[in-house]
């Protein structure tokens, strides 16, 4: 998958609604649900890179392996951890 960067909130929400993560760890049929649960309702920055066969976009696999979503000071990062489990981390930047 080619890396992608998007900064338009509605486009970001649309992209997130089409990403599914399977396998172990923080899996989901819709990454948008996880991002909304983390408190991001209008993300202003989205970056995805890498490639992973446990991820799909628009129903096609593989999709990206790393996701970085930001809304103001809140950041959600989704990636595969050391033992190939999806991890979802929410942080607040200063």
PDB file of N, CA and C in Angstrom:
ATOM      1  N   UNK A   1       0.847  -1.184   0.000  1.00  0.00           N
ATOM      2  CA  UNK A   1       0.000   0.000   0.000  1.00  0.00           C
ATOM      3  C   UNK A   1       0.887   1.241   0.000  1.00  0.00           C
ATOM      4  N   UNK A   2       0.461   2.212  -0.758  1.00  0.00           N
ATOM      5  CA  UNK A   2       1.163   3.492  -0.753  1.00  0.00           C
ATOM      6  C   UNK A   2       0.786   4.250   0.515  1.00  0.00           C
ATOM      7  N   UNK A   3       1.751   4.948   1.079  1.00  0.00           N
ATOM      8  CA  UNK A   3       1.468   5.790   2.241  1.00  0.00           C
ATOM      9  C   UNK A   3       0.456   6.854   1.848  1.00  0.00           C
ATOM     10  N   UNK A   4      -0.325   7.276   2.825  1.00  0.00           N
ATOM     11  CA  UNK A   4      -1.350   8.282   2.577  1.00  0.00           C
ATOM     12  C   UNK A   4      -1.345   9.282   3.727  1.00  0.00           C
ATOM     13  N   UNK A   5      -1.580  10.542   3.388  1.00  0.00           N
ATOM     14  CA  UNK A   5      -1.766  11.606   4.372  1.00  0.00           C
ATOM     15  C   UNK A   5      -3.011  12.370   3.956  1.00  0.00           C
ATOM     16  N   UNK A   6      -3.901  12.588   4.925  1.00  0.00           N
ATOM     17  CA  UNK A   6      -5.128  13.333   4.654  1.00  0.00           C
ATOM     18  C   UNK A   6      -5.343  14.318   5.801  1.00  0.00           C
ATOM     19  N   UNK A   7      -5.823  15.523   5.462  1.00  0.00           N
ATOM     20  CA  UNK A   7      -6.046  16.538   6.484  1.00  0.00           C
ATOM     21  C   UNK A   7      -7.451  17.122   6.455  1.00  0.00           C
ATOM     22  N   UNK A   8      -8.332  16.544   5.691  1.00  0.00           N
ATOM     23  CA  UNK A   8      -9.711  17.023   5.621  1.00  0.00           C
ATOM     24  C   UNK A   8     -10.581  16.088   6.472  1.00  0.00           C
ATOM     25  N   UNK A   9     -11.215  16.610   7.549  1.00  0.00           N
ATOM     26  CA  UNK A   9     -11.928  15.760   8.500  1.00  0.00           C
ATOM     27  C   UNK A   9     -12.949  14.794   7.898  1.00  0.00           C
ATOM     28  N   UNK A  10     -13.766  15.243   6.978  1.00  0.00           N
ATOM     29  CA  UNK A  10     -14.769  14.346   6.412  1.00  0.00           C
ATOM     30  C   UNK A  10     -14.144  13.209   5.609  1.00  0.00           C
ATOM     31  N   UNK A  11     -13.077  13.492   4.880  1.00  0.00           N
ATOM     32  CA  UNK A  11     -12.378  12.447   4.136  1.00  0.00           C
ATOM     33  C   UNK A  11     -11.727  11.448   5.095  1.00  0.00           C
ATOM     34  N   UNK A  12     -11.164  11.969   6.192  1.00  0.00           N
ATOM     35  CA  UNK A  12     -10.551  11.087   7.180  1.00  0.00           C
ATOM     36  C   UNK A  12     -11.593  10.132   7.749  1.00  0.00           C
ATOM     37  N   UNK A  13     -12.743  10.641   8.132  1.00  0.00           N
ATOM     38  CA  UNK A  13     -13.806   9.800   8.690  1.00  0.00           C
ATOM     39  C   UNK A  13     -14.256   8.743   7.688  1.00  0.00           C
ATOM     40  N   UNK A  14     -14.332   9.120   6.424  1.00  0.00           N
ATOM     41  CA  UNK A  14     -14.721   8.161   5.389  1.00  0.00           C
ATOM     42  C   UNK A  14     -13.684   7.060   5.248  1.00  0.00           C
ATOM     43  N   UNK A  15     -12.417   7.422   5.220  1.00  0.00           N
ATOM     44  CA  UNK A  15     -11.342   6.423   5.118  1.00  0.00           C
ATOM     45  C   UNK A  15     -11.390   5.482   6.308  1.00  0.00           C
ATOM     46  N   UNK A  16     -11.500   6.038   7.517  1.00  0.00           N
ATOM     47  CA  UNK A  16     -11.530   5.217   8.729  1.00  0.00           C
ATOM     48  C   UNK A  16     -12.702   4.235   8.735  1.00  0.00           C
ATOM     49  N   UNK A  17     -13.812   4.642   8.150  1.00  0.00           N
ATOM     50  CA  UNK A  17     -14.996   3.767   8.121  1.00  0.00           C
ATOM     51  C   UNK A  17     -14.791   2.554   7.219  1.00  0.00           C
ATOM     52  N   UNK A  18     -13.794   2.593   6.359  1.00  0.00           N
ATOM     53  CA  UNK A  18     -13.546   1.505   5.408  1.00  0.00           C
ATOM     54  C   UNK A  18     -12.350   0.626   5.789  1.00  0.00           C
ATOM     55  N   UNK A  19     -11.767   0.838   6.972  1.00  0.00           N
ATOM     56  CA  UNK A  19     -10.608   0.059   7.408  1.00  0.00           C
ATOM     57  C   UNK A  19     -11.053  -0.973   8.437  1.00  0.00           C
ATOM     58  N   UNK A  20     -10.668  -2.226   8.232  1.00  0.00           N
ATOM     59  CA  UNK A  20     -10.922  -3.310   9.188  1.00  0.00           C
ATOM     60  C   UNK A  20      -9.594  -3.941   9.569  1.00  0.00           C
ATOM     61  N   UNK A  21      -9.486  -4.319  10.837  1.00  0.00           N
ATOM     62  CA  UNK A  21      -8.274  -4.966  11.342  1.00  0.00           C
ATOM     63  C   UNK A  21      -8.640  -6.339  11.901  1.00  0.00           C
ATOM     64  N   UNK A  22      -7.949  -7.364  11.430  1.00  0.00           N
ATOM     65  CA  UNK A  22      -8.198  -8.730  11.884  1.00  0.00           C
ATOM     66  C   UNK A  22      -6.925  -9.286  12.510  1.00  0.00           C
ATOM     67  N   UNK A  23      -7.054 -10.438  13.111  1.00  0.00           N
ATOM     68  CA  UNK A  23      -5.903 -11.073  13.732  1.00  0.00           C
ATOM     69  C   UNK A  23      -6.046 -11.033  15.231  1.00  0.00           C
ATOM     70  N   UNK A  24      -4.992 -10.628  15.932  1.00  0.00           N
ATOM     71  CA  UNK A  24      -4.982 -10.578  17.389  1.00  0.00           C
ATOM     72  C   UNK A  24      -4.860  -9.137  17.863  1.00  0.00           C
ATOM     73  N   UNK A  25      -5.297  -8.908  19.093  1.00  0.00           N
ATOM     74  CA  UNK A  25      -5.159  -7.582  19.685  1.00  0.00           C
ATOM     75  C   UNK A  25      -6.364  -6.708  19.428  1.00  0.00           C
ATOM     76  N   UNK A  26      -6.125  -5.452  19.164  1.00  0.00           N
ATOM     77  CA  UNK A  26      -7.178  -4.450  18.962  1.00  0.00           C
ATOM     78  C   UNK A  26      -7.758  -4.570  17.559  1.00  0.00           C
ATOM     79  N   UNK A  27      -8.559  -5.600  17.349  1.00  0.00           N
ATOM     80  CA  UNK A  27      -9.161  -5.808  16.030  1.00  0.00           C
ATOM     81  C   UNK A  27     -10.525  -5.124  15.963  1.00  0.00           C
ATOM     82  N   UNK A  28     -10.945  -4.807  14.751  1.00  0.00           N
ATOM     83  CA  UNK A  28     -12.216  -4.122  14.568  1.00  0.00           C
ATOM     84  C   UNK A  28     -12.693  -4.289  13.132  1.00  0.00           C
ATOM     85  N   UNK A  29     -13.980  -4.255  12.948  1.00  0.00           N
ATOM     86  CA  UNK A  29     -14.556  -4.284  11.602  1.00  0.00           C
ATOM     87  C   UNK A  29     -14.592  -2.887  10.996  1.00  0.00           C
ATOM     88  N   UNK A  30     -14.394  -1.872  11.860  1.00  0.00           N
ATOM     89  CA  UNK A  30     -14.469  -0.483  11.399  1.00  0.00           C
ATOM     90  C   UNK A  30     -13.594   0.381  12.307  1.00  0.00           C
ATOM     91  N   UNK A  31     -12.458   0.816  11.811  1.00  0.00           N
ATOM     92  CA  UNK A  31     -11.538   1.605  12.621  1.00  0.00           C
ATOM     93  C   UNK A  31     -12.168   2.919  13.082  1.00  0.00           C
ATOM     94  N   UNK A  32     -13.134   3.418  12.349  1.00  0.00           N
ATOM     95  CA  UNK A  32     -13.835   4.635  12.748  1.00  0.00           C
ATOM     96  C   UNK A  32     -14.442   4.482  14.135  1.00  0.00           C
ATOM     97  N   UNK A  33     -15.037   3.328  14.442  1.00  0.00           N
ATOM     98  CA  UNK A  33     -15.651   3.113  15.753  1.00  0.00           C
ATOM     99  C   UNK A  33     -14.632   3.283  16.880  1.00  0.00           C
ATOM    100  N   UNK A  34     -13.440   2.741  16.679  1.00  0.00           N
ATOM    101  CA  UNK A  34     -12.393   2.837  17.706  1.00  0.00           C
ATOM    102  C   UNK A  34     -11.934   4.281  17.885  1.00  0.00           C
ATOM    103  N   UNK A  35     -11.803   5.010  16.797  1.00  0.00           N
ATOM    104  CA  UNK A  35     -11.360   6.406  16.855  1.00  0.00           C
ATOM    105  C   UNK A  35     -12.418   7.265  17.546  1.00  0.00           C
ATOM    106  N   UNK A  36     -13.691   7.044  17.234  1.00  0.00           N
ATOM    107  CA  UNK A  36     -14.764   7.780  17.903  1.00  0.00           C
ATOM    108  C   UNK A  36     -14.798   7.450  19.389  1.00  0.00           C
ATOM    109  N   UNK A  37     -14.616   6.177  19.748  1.00  0.00           N
ATOM    110  CA  UNK A  37     -14.577   5.774  21.158  1.00  0.00           C
ATOM    111  C   UNK A  37     -13.419   6.442  21.897  1.00  0.00           C
ATOM    112  N   UNK A  38     -12.342   6.755  21.191  1.00  0.00           N
ATOM    113  CA  UNK A  38     -11.183   7.428  21.792  1.00  0.00           C
ATOM    114  C   UNK A  38     -11.421   8.928  21.951  1.00  0.00           C
ATOM    115  N   UNK A  39     -12.542   9.429  21.457  1.00  0.00           N
ATOM    116  CA  UNK A  39     -12.887  10.832  21.645  1.00  0.00           C
ATOM    117  C   UNK A  39     -12.599  11.747  20.473  1.00  0.00           C
ATOM    118  N   UNK A  40     -12.158  11.210  19.354  1.00  0.00           N
ATOM    119  CA  UNK A  40     -11.898  12.030  18.175  1.00  0.00           C
ATOM    120  C   UNK A  40     -13.155  12.039  17.311  1.00  0.00           C
ATOM    121  N   UNK A  41     -13.770  13.203  17.141  1.00  0.00           N
ATOM    122  CA  UNK A  41     -14.991  13.291  16.345  1.00  0.00           C
ATOM    123  C   UNK A  41     -14.786  14.025  15.024  1.00  0.00           C
ATOM    124  N   UNK A  42     -13.716  14.816  14.939  1.00  0.00           N
ATOM    125  CA  UNK A  42     -13.403  15.543  13.710  1.00  0.00           C
ATOM    126  C   UNK A  42     -11.881  15.590  13.549  1.00  0.00           C
ATOM    127  N   UNK A  43     -11.250  14.436  13.258  1.00  0.00           N
ATOM    128  CA  UNK A  43      -9.788  14.406  13.143  1.00  0.00           C
ATOM    129  C   UNK A  43      -9.297  15.349  12.055  1.00  0.00           C
ATOM    130  N   UNK A  44      -8.147  15.969  12.321  1.00  0.00           N
ATOM    131  CA  UNK A  44      -7.591  16.936  11.381  1.00  0.00           C
ATOM    132  C   UNK A  44      -6.327  16.428  10.684  1.00  0.00           C
ATOM    133  N   UNK A  45      -5.863  15.248  11.070  1.00  0.00           N
ATOM    134  CA  UNK A  45      -4.668  14.681  10.440  1.00  0.00           C
ATOM    135  C   UNK A  45      -4.759  13.168  10.476  1.00  0.00           C
ATOM    136  N   UNK A  46      -4.468  12.541   9.342  1.00  0.00           N
ATOM    137  CA  UNK A  46      -4.464  11.082   9.230  1.00  0.00           C
ATOM    138  C   UNK A  46      -3.273  10.677   8.373  1.00  0.00           C
ATOM    139  N   UNK A  47      -2.515   9.724   8.872  1.00  0.00           N
ATOM    140  CA  UNK A  47      -1.409   9.169   8.100  1.00  0.00           C
ATOM    141  C   UNK A  47      -1.453   7.654   8.244  1.00  0.00           C
ATOM    142  N   UNK A  48      -1.273   6.954   7.133  1.00  0.00           N
ATOM    143  CA  UNK A  48      -1.212   5.495   7.139  1.00  0.00           C
ATOM    144  C   UNK A  48      -0.044   5.075   6.269  1.00  0.00           C
ATOM    145  N   UNK A  49       0.670   4.036   6.726  1.00  0.00           N
ATOM    146  CA  UNK A  49       1.835   3.576   5.972  1.00  0.00           C
ATOM    147  C   UNK A  49       2.077   2.101   6.227  1.00  0.00           C
ATOM    148  N   UNK A  50       2.983   1.544   5.454  1.00  0.00           N
ATOM    149  CA  UNK A  50       3.308   0.131   5.585  1.00  0.00           C
ATOM    150  C   UNK A  50       2.243  -0.749   4.956  1.00  0.00           C
ATOM    151  N   UNK A  51       2.356  -2.037   5.183  1.00  0.00           N
ATOM    152  CA  UNK A  51       1.414  -2.992   4.603  1.00  0.00           C
ATOM    153  C   UNK A  51       1.264  -4.176   5.539  1.00  0.00           C
ATOM    154  N   UNK A  52       0.013  -4.612   5.744  1.00  0.00           N
ATOM    155  CA  UNK A  52      -0.252  -5.749   6.617  1.00  0.00           C
ATOM    156  C   UNK A  52      -1.432  -6.545   6.070  1.00  0.00           C
ATOM    157  N   UNK A  53      -1.268  -7.845   6.004  1.00  0.00           N
ATOM    158  CA  UNK A  53      -2.319  -8.702   5.449  1.00  0.00           C
ATOM    159  C   UNK A  53      -3.511  -8.862   6.388  1.00  0.00           C
ATOM    160  N   UNK A  54      -3.366  -8.492   7.666  1.00  0.00           N
ATOM    161  CA  UNK A  54      -4.484  -8.544   8.609  1.00  0.00           C
ATOM    162  C   UNK A  54      -5.327  -7.276   8.574  1.00  0.00           C
ATOM    163  N   UNK A  55      -4.984  -6.340   7.722  1.00  0.00           N
ATOM    164  CA  UNK A  55      -5.749  -5.103   7.568  1.00  0.00           C
ATOM    165  C   UNK A  55      -6.384  -5.079   6.183  1.00  0.00           C
ATOM    166  N   UNK A  56      -7.584  -4.506   6.110  1.00  0.00           N
ATOM    167  CA  UNK A  56      -8.223  -4.363   4.799  1.00  0.00           C
ATOM    168  C   UNK A  56      -8.807  -2.959   4.679  1.00  0.00           C
ATOM    169  N   UNK A  57      -8.847  -2.485   3.432  1.00  0.00           N
ATOM    170  CA  UNK A  57      -9.417  -1.189   3.102  1.00  0.00           C
ATOM    171  C   UNK A  57     -10.343  -1.385   1.917  1.00  0.00           C
ATOM    172  N   UNK A  58     -11.569  -0.926   2.044  1.00  0.00           N
ATOM    173  CA  UNK A  58     -12.595  -1.124   1.012  1.00  0.00           C
ATOM    174  C   UNK A  58     -12.760  -2.611   0.703  1.00  0.00           C
ATOM    175  N   UNK A  59     -12.602  -3.440   1.730  1.00  0.00           N
ATOM    176  CA  UNK A  59     -12.776  -4.882   1.580  1.00  0.00           C
ATOM    177  C   UNK A  59     -11.599  -5.599   0.947  1.00  0.00           C
ATOM    178  N   UNK A  60     -10.537  -4.888   0.635  1.00  0.00           N
ATOM    179  CA  UNK A  60      -9.365  -5.477  -0.011  1.00  0.00           C
ATOM    180  C   UNK A  60      -8.199  -5.556   0.975  1.00  0.00           C
ATOM    181  N   UNK A  61      -7.535  -6.694   0.973  1.00  0.00           N
ATOM    182  CA  UNK A  61      -6.358  -6.883   1.810  1.00  0.00           C
ATOM    183  C   UNK A  61      -5.174  -7.153   0.898  1.00  0.00           C
ATOM    184  N   UNK A  62      -3.981  -6.712   1.231  1.00  0.00           N
ATOM    185  CA  UNK A  62      -3.577  -6.038   2.463  1.00  0.00           C
ATOM    186  C   UNK A  62      -3.881  -4.549   2.429  1.00  0.00           C
ATOM    187  N   UNK A  63      -3.852  -3.974   3.633  1.00  0.00           N
ATOM    188  CA  UNK A  63      -3.983  -2.524   3.777  1.00  0.00           C
ATOM    189  C   UNK A  63      -2.804  -2.041   4.623  1.00  0.00           C
ATOM    190  N   UNK A  64      -2.894  -0.849   5.110  1.00  0.00           N
ATOM    191  CA  UNK A  64      -1.772  -0.252   5.835  1.00  0.00           C
ATOM    192  C   UNK A  64      -1.511  -0.965   7.158  1.00  0.00           C
ATOM    193  N   UNK A  65      -0.279  -0.821   7.644  1.00  0.00           N
ATOM    194  CA  UNK A  65       0.130  -1.465   8.894  1.00  0.00           C
ATOM    195  C   UNK A  65       0.198  -0.494  10.074  1.00  0.00           C
ATOM    196  N   UNK A  66       0.321   0.805   9.797  1.00  0.00           N
ATOM    197  CA  UNK A  66       0.437   1.814  10.859  1.00  0.00           C
ATOM    198  C   UNK A  66      -0.507   2.965  10.554  1.00  0.00           C
ATOM    199  N   UNK A  67      -1.191   3.433  11.605  1.00  0.00           N
ATOM    200  CA  UNK A  67      -2.148   4.522  11.463  1.00  0.00           C
ATOM    201  C   UNK A  67      -1.883   5.566  12.536  1.00  0.00           C
ATOM    202  N   UNK A  68      -1.910   6.832  12.131  1.00  0.00           N
ATOM    203  CA  UNK A  68      -1.709   7.953  13.048  1.00  0.00           C
ATOM    204  C   UNK A  68      -2.847   8.924  12.785  1.00  0.00           C
ATOM    205  N   UNK A  69      -3.695   9.136  13.800  1.00  0.00           N
ATOM    206  CA  UNK A  69      -4.854  10.009  13.663  1.00  0.00           C
ATOM    207  C   UNK A  69      -4.778  11.067  14.758  1.00  0.00           C
ATOM    208  N   UNK A  70      -4.977  12.327  14.385  1.00  0.00           N
ATOM    209  CA  UNK A  70      -4.836  13.430  15.357  1.00  0.00           C
ATOM    210  C   UNK A  70      -6.036  14.371  15.268  1.00  0.00           C
ATOM    211  N   UNK A  71      -6.462  14.813  16.442  1.00  0.00           N
ATOM    212  CA  UNK A  71      -7.442  15.898  16.552  1.00  0.00           C
ATOM    213  C   UNK A  71      -6.980  16.791  17.703  1.00  0.00           C
ATOM    214  N   UNK A  72      -6.540  17.963  17.374  1.00  0.00           N
ATOM    215  CA  UNK A  72      -5.956  18.897  18.328  1.00  0.00           C
ATOM    216  C   UNK A  72      -4.839  18.215  19.087  1.00  0.00           C
ATOM    217  N   UNK A  73      -4.981  18.061  20.400  1.00  0.00           N
ATOM    218  CA  UNK A  73      -3.905  17.471  21.193  1.00  0.00           C
ATOM    219  C   UNK A  73      -4.049  15.960  21.380  1.00  0.00           C
ATOM    220  N   UNK A  74      -5.133  15.398  20.966  1.00  0.00           N
ATOM    221  CA  UNK A  74      -5.367  13.964  21.150  1.00  0.00           C
ATOM    222  C   UNK A  74      -4.884  13.210  19.912  1.00  0.00           C
ATOM    223  N   UNK A  75      -4.139  12.136  20.154  1.00  0.00           N
ATOM    224  CA  UNK A  75      -3.573  11.336  19.073  1.00  0.00           C
ATOM    225  C   UNK A  75      -3.921   9.873  19.294  1.00  0.00           C
ATOM    226  N   UNK A  76      -4.370   9.218  18.237  1.00  0.00           N
ATOM    227  CA  UNK A  76      -4.605   7.771  18.262  1.00  0.00           C
ATOM    228  C   UNK A  76      -3.612   7.142  17.298  1.00  0.00           C
ATOM    229  N   UNK A  77      -2.877   6.156  17.803  1.00  0.00           N
ATOM    230  CA  UNK A  77      -1.923   5.421  16.992  1.00  0.00           C
ATOM    231  C   UNK A  77      -2.327   3.954  17.006  1.00  0.00           C
ATOM    232  N   UNK A  78      -2.382   3.355  15.829  1.00  0.00           N
ATOM    233  CA  UNK A  78      -2.718   1.944  15.704  1.00  0.00           C
ATOM    234  C   UNK A  78      -1.588   1.276  14.931  1.00  0.00           C
ATOM    235  N   UNK A  79      -1.075   0.178  15.469  1.00  0.00           N
ATOM    236  CA  UNK A  79       0.069  -0.496  14.845  1.00  0.00           C
ATOM    237  C   UNK A  79       0.143  -1.924  15.356  1.00  0.00           C
ATOM    238  N   UNK A  80       0.984  -2.721  14.702  1.00  0.00           N
ATOM    239  CA  UNK A  80       1.228  -4.083  15.171  1.00  0.00           C
ATOM    240  C   UNK A  80       2.324  -4.039  16.212  1.00  0.00           C
ATOM    241  N   UNK A  81       2.094  -4.676  17.346  1.00  0.00           N
ATOM    242  CA  UNK A  81       3.078  -4.698  18.422  1.00  0.00           C
ATOM    243  C   UNK A  81       4.129  -5.770  18.202  1.00  0.00           C
ATOM    244  N   UNK A  82       4.979  -5.960  19.198  1.00  0.00           N
ATOM    245  CA  UNK A  82       6.106  -6.877  19.109  1.00  0.00           C
ATOM    246  C   UNK A  82       5.740  -8.316  18.801  1.00  0.00           C
ATOM    247  N   UNK A  83       4.572  -8.763  19.222  1.00  0.00           N
ATOM    248  CA  UNK A  83       4.167 -10.145  18.973  1.00  0.00           C
ATOM    249  C   UNK A  83       3.059 -10.218  17.935  1.00  0.00           C
ATOM    250  N   UNK A  84       3.075  -9.292  17.016  1.00  0.00           N
ATOM    251  CA  UNK A  84       2.112  -9.252  15.912  1.00  0.00           C
ATOM    252  C   UNK A  84       0.668  -9.129  16.381  1.00  0.00           C
ATOM    253  N   UNK A  85       0.444  -8.345  17.411  1.00  0.00           N
ATOM    254  CA  UNK A  85      -0.911  -8.024  17.858  1.00  0.00           C
ATOM    255  C   UNK A  85      -1.170  -6.552  17.584  1.00  0.00           C
ATOM    256  N   UNK A  86      -2.354  -6.254  17.098  1.00  0.00           N
ATOM    257  CA  UNK A  86      -2.729  -4.862  16.882  1.00  0.00           C
ATOM    258  C   UNK A  86      -2.798  -4.143  18.214  1.00  0.00           C
ATOM    259  N   UNK A  87      -2.223  -2.960  18.265  1.00  0.00           N
ATOM    260  CA  UNK A  87      -2.267  -2.128  19.466  1.00  0.00           C
ATOM    261  C   UNK A  87      -2.862  -0.778  19.089  1.00  0.00           C
ATOM    262  N   UNK A  88      -3.715  -0.290  19.983  1.00  0.00           N
ATOM    263  CA  UNK A  88      -4.319   1.017  19.810  1.00  0.00           C
ATOM    264  C   UNK A  88      -3.924   1.846  21.017  1.00  0.00           C
ATOM    265  N   UNK A  89      -3.273   2.976  20.776  1.00  0.00           N
ATOM    266  CA  UNK A  89      -2.775   3.827  21.849  1.00  0.00           C
ATOM    267  C   UNK A  89      -3.325   5.223  21.670  1.00  0.00           C
ATOM    268  N   UNK A  90      -3.906   5.776  22.721  1.00  0.00           N
ATOM    269  CA  UNK A  90      -4.420   7.134  22.707  1.00  0.00           C
ATOM    270  C   UNK A  90      -3.574   7.973  23.656  1.00  0.00           C
ATOM    271  N   UNK A  91      -3.082   9.102  23.168  1.00  0.00           N
ATOM    272  CA  UNK A  91      -2.264   9.983  23.987  1.00  0.00           C
ATOM    273  C   UNK A  91      -2.709  11.429  23.809  1.00  0.00           C
ATOM    274  N   UNK A  92      -2.313  12.263  24.755  1.00  0.00           N
ATOM    275  CA  UNK A  92      -2.530  13.714  24.693  1.00  0.00           C
ATOM    276  C   UNK A  92      -1.163  14.358  24.537  1.00  0.00           C
ATOM    277  N   UNK A  93      -0.978  15.205  23.552  1.00  0.00           N
ATOM    278  CA  UNK A  93       0.293  15.894  23.389  1.00  0.00           C
ATOM    279  C   UNK A  93       0.244  17.219  24.155  1.00  0.00           C
ATOM    280  N   UNK A  94       1.374  17.719  24.557  1.00  0.00           N
ATOM    281  CA  UNK A  94       1.393  18.993  25.315  1.00  0.00           C
ATOM    282  C   UNK A  94       1.005  20.187  24.452  1.00  0.00           C
TER     283      UNK A  94
END
